[in-house]
Full PDB file with SEQRES, HELIX, SHEET, SSBOND, CRYST1, ORIGX, SCALE, CONECT and MASTER records, all heavy atoms in Angstrom:
SEQRES   1 A   31  SER PHE GLU PRO ILE GLN THR MET LYS ASN PHE GLY ASP          
SEQRES   2 A   31  ALA VAL THR SER VAL ALA VAL ALA ASP SER VAL GLN VAL          
SEQRES   3 A   31  LEU GLY GLY SER VAL                                          
SHEET    1 AA1 2 VAL A  15  ALA A  21  0                                        
SHEET    2 AA1 2 GLN A  25  SER A  30 -1                                        
CRYST1    1.000    1.000    1.000  90.00  90.00  90.00 P 1           1          
ORIGX1      1.000000  0.000000  0.000000        0.00000                         
ORIGX2      0.000000  1.000000  0.000000        0.00000                         
ORIGX3      0.000000  0.000000  1.000000        0.00000                         
SCALE1      1.000000  0.000000  0.000000        0.00000                         
SCALE2      0.000000  1.000000  0.000000        0.00000                         
SCALE3      0.000000  0.000000  1.000000        0.00000                         
ATOM      1  N   SER A   1      25.753   2.442  21.499  1.00  0.00           N  
ATOM      2  CA  SER A   1      25.097   3.771  21.436  1.00  0.00           C  
ATOM      3  C   SER A   1      24.133   3.873  20.154  1.00  0.00           C  
ATOM      4  O   SER A   1      24.478   3.387  19.180  1.00  0.00           O  
ATOM      5  CB  SER A   1      26.057   4.923  21.377  1.00  0.00           C  
ATOM      6  OG  SER A   1      25.555   6.162  21.199  1.00  0.00           O  
ATOM      7  N   PHE A   2      23.014   4.498  20.309  1.00  0.00           N  
ATOM      8  CA  PHE A   2      22.080   4.734  19.212  1.00  0.00           C  
ATOM      9  C   PHE A   2      22.219   6.148  18.550  1.00  0.00           C  
ATOM     10  O   PHE A   2      21.592   6.476  17.702  1.00  0.00           O  
ATOM     11  CB  PHE A   2      20.688   4.591  19.670  1.00  0.00           C  
ATOM     12  CG  PHE A   2      20.433   3.232  20.141  1.00  0.00           C  
ATOM     13  CD1 PHE A   2      20.277   3.042  21.572  1.00  0.00           C  
ATOM     14  CD2 PHE A   2      20.229   2.220  19.346  1.00  0.00           C  
ATOM     15  CE1 PHE A   2      19.988   1.741  22.054  1.00  0.00           C  
ATOM     16  CE2 PHE A   2      19.846   0.871  19.789  1.00  0.00           C  
ATOM     17  CZ  PHE A   2      19.736   0.675  21.251  1.00  0.00           C  
ATOM     18  N   GLU A   3      23.195   6.884  19.089  1.00  0.00           N  
ATOM     19  CA  GLU A   3      23.563   8.230  18.679  1.00  0.00           C  
ATOM     20  C   GLU A   3      24.630   8.216  17.544  1.00  0.00           C  
ATOM     21  O   GLU A   3      25.514   7.409  17.655  1.00  0.00           O  
ATOM     22  CB  GLU A   3      23.902   9.230  19.793  1.00  0.00           C  
ATOM     23  CG  GLU A   3      22.774   9.287  20.896  1.00  0.00           C  
ATOM     24  CD  GLU A   3      21.575   9.870  20.417  1.00  0.00           C  
ATOM     25  OE1 GLU A   3      21.627  10.784  19.602  1.00  0.00           O  
ATOM     26  OE2 GLU A   3      20.417   9.395  20.717  1.00  0.00           O  
ATOM     27  N   PRO A   4      24.666   9.272  16.723  1.00  0.00           N  
ATOM     28  CA  PRO A   4      25.724   9.384  15.687  1.00  0.00           C  
ATOM     29  C   PRO A   4      27.044   9.650  16.410  1.00  0.00           C  
ATOM     30  O   PRO A   4      27.178  10.354  17.302  1.00  0.00           O  
ATOM     31  CB  PRO A   4      25.302  10.557  14.843  1.00  0.00           C  
ATOM     32  CG  PRO A   4      24.315  11.208  15.545  1.00  0.00           C  
ATOM     33  CD  PRO A   4      23.641  10.303  16.552  1.00  0.00           C  
ATOM     34  N   ILE A   5      28.185   9.120  15.693  1.00  0.00           N  
ATOM     35  CA  ILE A   5      29.461   9.371  16.317  1.00  0.00           C  
ATOM     36  C   ILE A   5      29.979  10.574  15.847  1.00  0.00           C  
ATOM     37  O   ILE A   5      30.992  11.203  16.355  1.00  0.00           O  
ATOM     38  CB  ILE A   5      30.355   8.048  16.015  1.00  0.00           C  
ATOM     39  CG1 ILE A   5      30.457   7.774  14.698  1.00  0.00           C  
ATOM     40  CG2 ILE A   5      29.998   6.910  16.953  1.00  0.00           C  
ATOM     41  CD1 ILE A   5      31.496   6.773  14.308  1.00  0.00           C  
ATOM     42  N   GLN A   6      29.556  11.049  14.654  1.00  0.00           N  
ATOM     43  CA  GLN A   6      30.036  12.358  14.046  1.00  0.00           C  
ATOM     44  C   GLN A   6      28.888  12.922  13.159  1.00  0.00           C  
ATOM     45  O   GLN A   6      28.165  12.166  12.673  1.00  0.00           O  
ATOM     46  CB  GLN A   6      31.222  11.972  13.152  1.00  0.00           C  
ATOM     47  CG  GLN A   6      31.991  13.302  12.755  1.00  0.00           C  
ATOM     48  CD  GLN A   6      33.338  13.009  12.120  1.00  0.00           C  
ATOM     49  OE1 GLN A   6      33.830  11.916  12.220  1.00  0.00           O  
ATOM     50  NE2 GLN A   6      34.007  14.010  11.437  1.00  0.00           N  
ATOM     51  N   THR A   7      28.833  14.232  13.133  1.00  0.00           N  
ATOM     52  CA  THR A   7      27.907  14.940  12.319  1.00  0.00           C  
ATOM     53  C   THR A   7      28.462  15.999  11.597  1.00  0.00           C  
ATOM     54  O   THR A   7      29.308  16.858  12.217  1.00  0.00           O  
ATOM     55  CB  THR A   7      26.606  15.486  13.150  1.00  0.00           C  
ATOM     56  OG1 THR A   7      26.021  14.411  13.871  1.00  0.00           O  
ATOM     57  CG2 THR A   7      25.642  16.122  12.345  1.00  0.00           C  
ATOM     58  N   MET A   8      28.294  16.064  10.233  1.00  0.00           N  
ATOM     59  CA  MET A   8      28.691  17.182   9.400  1.00  0.00           C  
ATOM     60  C   MET A   8      27.585  17.994   8.965  1.00  0.00           C  
ATOM     61  O   MET A   8      26.813  17.622   8.120  1.00  0.00           O  
ATOM     62  CB  MET A   8      29.414  16.625   8.174  1.00  0.00           C  
ATOM     63  CG  MET A   8      30.703  15.850   8.478  1.00  0.00           C  
ATOM     64  SD  MET A   8      30.433  14.192   8.804  1.00  0.00           S  
ATOM     65  CE  MET A   8      31.803  13.305   7.926  1.00  0.00           C  
ATOM     66  N   LYS A   9      27.461  19.245   9.487  1.00  0.00           N  
ATOM     67  CA  LYS A   9      26.328  20.143   9.286  1.00  0.00           C  
ATOM     68  C   LYS A   9      26.891  21.280   8.524  1.00  0.00           C  
ATOM     69  O   LYS A   9      26.777  22.500   8.900  1.00  0.00           O  
ATOM     70  CB  LYS A   9      25.630  20.556  10.656  1.00  0.00           C  
ATOM     71  CG  LYS A   9      25.190  19.406  11.375  1.00  0.00           C  
ATOM     72  CD  LYS A   9      24.285  19.865  12.523  1.00  0.00           C  
ATOM     73  CE  LYS A   9      22.930  20.250  12.109  1.00  0.00           C  
ATOM     74  NZ  LYS A   9      21.882  20.464  13.159  1.00  0.00           N  
ATOM     75  N   ASN A  10      27.431  20.982   7.340  1.00  0.00           N  
ATOM     76  CA  ASN A  10      28.059  22.135   6.549  1.00  0.00           C  
ATOM     77  C   ASN A  10      27.286  22.436   5.321  1.00  0.00           C  
ATOM     78  O   ASN A  10      27.617  23.268   4.448  1.00  0.00           O  
ATOM     79  CB  ASN A  10      29.458  21.632   6.145  1.00  0.00           C  
ATOM     80  CG  ASN A  10      30.362  21.203   7.234  1.00  0.00           C  
ATOM     81  OD1 ASN A  10      30.430  20.021   7.615  1.00  0.00           O  
ATOM     82  ND2 ASN A  10      31.095  22.027   7.916  1.00  0.00           N  
ATOM     83  N   PHE A  11      26.169  21.803   5.211  1.00  0.00           N  
ATOM     84  CA  PHE A  11      25.372  22.165   3.916  1.00  0.00           C  
ATOM     85  C   PHE A  11      24.309  23.248   4.257  1.00  0.00           C  
ATOM     86  O   PHE A  11      23.846  23.485   5.292  1.00  0.00           O  
ATOM     87  CB  PHE A  11      24.726  20.844   3.563  1.00  0.00           C  
ATOM     88  CG  PHE A  11      25.681  19.778   3.235  1.00  0.00           C  
ATOM     89  CD1 PHE A  11      26.159  18.819   4.141  1.00  0.00           C  
ATOM     90  CD2 PHE A  11      26.021  19.573   1.775  1.00  0.00           C  
ATOM     91  CE1 PHE A  11      26.953  17.746   3.756  1.00  0.00           C  
ATOM     92  CE2 PHE A  11      26.918  18.554   1.551  1.00  0.00           C  
ATOM     93  CZ  PHE A  11      27.320  17.676   2.575  1.00  0.00           C  
ATOM     94  N   GLY A  12      23.927  23.831   3.101  1.00  0.00           N  
ATOM     95  CA  GLY A  12      23.008  24.847   3.282  1.00  0.00           C  
ATOM     96  C   GLY A  12      21.476  24.457   2.843  1.00  0.00           C  
ATOM     97  O   GLY A  12      20.609  25.213   2.911  1.00  0.00           O  
ATOM     98  N   ASP A  13      21.460  23.063   2.582  1.00  0.00           N  
ATOM     99  CA  ASP A  13      20.022  22.561   2.201  1.00  0.00           C  
ATOM    100  C   ASP A  13      20.097  20.993   2.403  1.00  0.00           C  
ATOM    101  O   ASP A  13      21.188  20.553   2.775  1.00  0.00           O  
ATOM    102  CB  ASP A  13      19.616  22.968   0.749  1.00  0.00           C  
ATOM    103  CG  ASP A  13      18.116  23.077   0.525  1.00  0.00           C  
ATOM    104  OD1 ASP A  13      17.409  22.208   1.349  1.00  0.00           O  
ATOM    105  OD2 ASP A  13      17.688  23.964  -0.168  1.00  0.00           O  
ATOM    106  N   ALA A  14      19.053  20.342   2.044  1.00  0.00           N  
ATOM    107  CA  ALA A  14      18.970  18.868   2.183  1.00  0.00           C  
ATOM    108  C   ALA A  14      20.087  18.215   1.543  1.00  0.00           C  
ATOM    109  O   ALA A  14      20.577  18.574   0.339  1.00  0.00           O  
ATOM    110  CB  ALA A  14      17.620  18.394   1.534  1.00  0.00           C  
ATOM    111  N   VAL A  15      20.713  17.144   2.196  1.00  0.00           N  
ATOM    112  CA  VAL A  15      21.668  16.226   1.615  1.00  0.00           C  
ATOM    113  C   VAL A  15      20.798  15.081   0.978  1.00  0.00           C  
ATOM    114  O   VAL A  15      20.085  14.479   1.503  1.00  0.00           O  
ATOM    115  CB  VAL A  15      22.548  15.696   2.669  1.00  0.00           C  
ATOM    116  CG1 VAL A  15      23.530  14.718   2.056  1.00  0.00           C  
ATOM    117  CG2 VAL A  15      23.265  16.739   3.464  1.00  0.00           C  
ATOM    118  N   THR A  16      21.065  14.961  -0.403  1.00  0.00           N  
ATOM    119  CA  THR A  16      20.307  14.007  -1.190  1.00  0.00           C  
ATOM    120  C   THR A  16      21.076  12.705  -1.398  1.00  0.00           C  
ATOM    121  O   THR A  16      20.391  11.646  -1.660  1.00  0.00           O  
ATOM    122  CB  THR A  16      19.878  14.657  -2.541  1.00  0.00           C  
ATOM    123  OG1 THR A  16      21.185  15.060  -3.151  1.00  0.00           O  
ATOM    124  CG2 THR A  16      18.922  15.836  -2.350  1.00  0.00           C  
ATOM    125  N   SER A  17      22.293  12.693  -1.354  1.00  0.00           N  
ATOM    126  CA  SER A  17      23.055  11.666  -1.702  1.00  0.00           C  
ATOM    127  C   SER A  17      24.331  11.580  -1.036  1.00  0.00           C  
ATOM    128  O   SER A  17      25.004  12.609  -0.911  1.00  0.00           O  
ATOM    129  CB  SER A  17      23.230  11.535  -3.198  1.00  0.00           C  
ATOM    130  OG  SER A  17      23.927  10.352  -3.714  1.00  0.00           O  
ATOM    131  N   VAL A  18      24.836  10.317  -0.561  1.00  0.00           N  
ATOM    132  CA  VAL A  18      26.127  10.175   0.031  1.00  0.00           C  
ATOM    133  C   VAL A  18      26.835   9.089  -0.737  1.00  0.00           C  
ATOM    134  O   VAL A  18      26.239   8.117  -1.347  1.00  0.00           O  
ATOM    135  CB  VAL A  18      26.009   9.813   1.496  1.00  0.00           C  
ATOM    136  CG1 VAL A  18      25.396  10.961   2.320  1.00  0.00           C  
ATOM    137  CG2 VAL A  18      25.234   8.624   1.776  1.00  0.00           C  
ATOM    138  N   ALA A  19      28.195   9.086  -0.678  1.00  0.00           N  
ATOM    139  CA  ALA A  19      28.974   8.036  -1.232  1.00  0.00           C  
ATOM    140  C   ALA A  19      30.319   8.075  -0.366  1.00  0.00           C  
ATOM    141  O   ALA A  19      30.629   8.947   0.327  1.00  0.00           O  
ATOM    142  CB  ALA A  19      29.358   8.421  -2.698  1.00  0.00           C  
ATOM    143  N   VAL A  20      31.011   6.886  -0.503  1.00  0.00           N  
ATOM    144  CA  VAL A  20      32.276   6.703   0.287  1.00  0.00           C  
ATOM    145  C   VAL A  20      33.406   6.286  -0.689  1.00  0.00           C  
ATOM    146  O   VAL A  20      33.160   5.492  -1.666  1.00  0.00           O  
ATOM    147  CB  VAL A  20      31.997   5.621   1.268  1.00  0.00           C  
ATOM    148  CG1 VAL A  20      33.315   5.315   1.984  1.00  0.00           C  
ATOM    149  CG2 VAL A  20      31.062   6.060   2.240  1.00  0.00           C  
ATOM    150  N   ALA A  21      34.492   6.847  -0.596  1.00  0.00           N  
ATOM    151  CA  ALA A  21      35.676   6.567  -1.331  1.00  0.00           C  
ATOM    152  C   ALA A  21      36.810   6.346  -0.477  1.00  0.00           C  
ATOM    153  O   ALA A  21      37.035   6.896   0.470  1.00  0.00           O  
ATOM    154  CB  ALA A  21      35.986   7.710  -2.334  1.00  0.00           C  
ATOM    155  N   ASP A  22      37.643   5.238  -0.828  1.00  0.00           N  
ATOM    156  CA  ASP A  22      38.827   4.929  -0.006  1.00  0.00           C  
ATOM    157  C   ASP A  22      38.556   4.635   1.408  1.00  0.00           C  
ATOM    158  O   ASP A  22      39.447   4.931   2.200  1.00  0.00           O  
ATOM    159  CB  ASP A  22      39.904   6.083  -0.129  1.00  0.00           C  
ATOM    160  CG  ASP A  22      40.308   6.387  -1.662  1.00  0.00           C  
ATOM    161  OD1 ASP A  22      40.354   5.317  -2.346  1.00  0.00           O  
ATOM    162  OD2 ASP A  22      40.594   7.471  -1.936  1.00  0.00           O  
ATOM    163  N   SER A  23      37.317   4.402   1.731  1.00  0.00           N  
ATOM    164  CA  SER A  23      36.961   3.957   3.090  1.00  0.00           C  
ATOM    165  C   SER A  23      36.892   5.082   3.954  1.00  0.00           C  
ATOM    166  O   SER A  23      36.150   4.973   4.959  1.00  0.00           O  
ATOM    167  CB  SER A  23      37.826   2.757   3.651  1.00  0.00           C  
ATOM    168  OG  SER A  23      37.389   2.318   4.726  1.00  0.00           O  
ATOM    169  N   VAL A  24      37.683   6.183   3.863  1.00  0.00           N  
ATOM    170  CA  VAL A  24      37.659   7.179   4.802  1.00  0.00           C  
ATOM    171  C   VAL A  24      37.153   8.576   4.167  1.00  0.00           C  
ATOM    172  O   VAL A  24      37.030   9.539   5.022  1.00  0.00           O  
ATOM    173  CB  VAL A  24      39.167   7.460   5.381  1.00  0.00           C  
ATOM    174  CG1 VAL A  24      39.546   6.210   6.275  1.00  0.00           C  
ATOM    175  CG2 VAL A  24      40.164   7.707   4.339  1.00  0.00           C  
ATOM    176  N   GLN A  25      36.956   8.542   2.876  1.00  0.00           N  
ATOM    177  CA  GLN A  25      36.475   9.772   2.322  1.00  0.00           C  
ATOM    178  C   GLN A  25      34.904   9.803   2.193  1.00  0.00           C  
ATOM    179  O   GLN A  25      34.442   8.817   1.586  1.00  0.00           O  
ATOM    180  CB  GLN A  25      37.152  10.011   0.993  1.00  0.00           C  
ATOM    181  CG  GLN A  25      38.556  10.483   1.117  1.00  0.00           C  
ATOM    182  CD  GLN A  25      39.072  10.851  -0.260  1.00  0.00           C  
ATOM    183  OE1 GLN A  25      38.867  10.150  -1.282  1.00  0.00           O  
ATOM    184  NE2 GLN A  25      39.802  12.010  -0.399  1.00  0.00           N  
ATOM    185  N   VAL A  26      34.238  10.706   2.849  1.00  0.00           N  
ATOM    186  CA  VAL A  26      32.803  10.646   2.776  1.00  0.00           C  
ATOM    187  C   VAL A  26      32.314  11.850   1.753  1.00  0.00           C  
ATOM    188  O   VAL A  26      32.821  12.940   1.970  1.00  0.00           O  
ATOM    189  CB  VAL A  26      32.234  10.934   4.066  1.00  0.00           C  
ATOM    190  CG1 VAL A  26      30.680  11.019   3.954  1.00  0.00           C  
ATOM    191  CG2 VAL A  26      32.559   9.628   5.022  1.00  0.00           C  
ATOM    192  N   LEU A  27      31.451  11.625   0.839  1.00  0.00           N  
ATOM    193  CA  LEU A  27      30.977  12.672  -0.120  1.00  0.00           C  
ATOM    194  C   LEU A  27      29.495  12.825  -0.036  1.00  0.00           C  
ATOM    195  O   LEU A  27      28.809  11.843   0.319  1.00  0.00           O  
ATOM    196  CB  LEU A  27      31.383  12.214  -1.481  1.00  0.00           C  
ATOM    197  CG  LEU A  27      32.931  12.208  -2.002  1.00  0.00           C  
ATOM    198  CD1 LEU A  27      33.436  10.827  -1.720  1.00  0.00           C  
ATOM    199  CD2 LEU A  27      32.948  12.481  -3.417  1.00  0.00           C  
ATOM    200  N   GLY A  28      29.129  14.066  -0.144  1.00  0.00           N  
ATOM    201  CA  GLY A  28      27.688  14.392  -0.108  1.00  0.00           C  
ATOM    202  C   GLY A  28      27.197  15.369  -1.112  1.00  0.00           C  
ATOM    203  O   GLY A  28      28.100  16.375  -1.360  1.00  0.00           O  
ATOM    204  N   GLY A  29      26.150  15.054  -1.795  1.00  0.00           N  
ATOM    205  CA  GLY A  29      25.618  16.036  -2.787  1.00  0.00           C  
ATOM    206  C   GLY A  29      24.341  16.640  -2.138  1.00  0.00           C  
ATOM    207  O   GLY A  29      23.567  15.957  -1.392  1.00  0.00           O  
ATOM    208  N   SER A  30      24.120  17.896  -2.444  1.00  0.00           N  
ATOM    209  CA  SER A  30      23.168  18.643  -1.740  1.00  0.00           C  
ATOM    210  C   SER A  30      22.222  19.477  -2.683  1.00  0.00           C  
ATOM    211  O   SER A  30      22.705  19.982  -3.667  1.00  0.00           O  
ATOM    212  CB  SER A  30      23.689  19.484  -0.642  1.00  0.00           C  
ATOM    213  OG  SER A  30      22.582  20.440  -0.116  1.00  0.00           O  
ATOM    214  N   VAL A  31      20.982  19.811  -2.177  1.00  0.00           N  
ATOM    215  CA  VAL A  31      20.133  20.774  -2.912  1.00  0.00           C  
ATOM    216  C   VAL A  31      20.878  22.145  -2.921  1.00  0.00           C  
ATOM    217  O   VAL A  31      20.383  23.021  -3.679  1.00  0.00           O  
ATOM    218  CB  VAL A  31      18.766  20.695  -2.278  1.00  0.00           C  
ATOM    219  CG1 VAL A  31      17.774  21.812  -2.935  1.00  0.00           C  
ATOM    220  CG2 VAL A  31      18.148  19.317  -2.342  1.00  0.00           C  
TER     221      VAL A  31                                                      
MASTER        0    0    0    0    2    0    0    6  220    1    0    3          
END                                                                             
């Protein structure tokens, strides 16, 4: 599939940076 398997739309503005910790923790920084 070319579609995302999961989407997190919890931000109020653009997501500028992502990082991964412990393989299962996803972090995002936003405007």
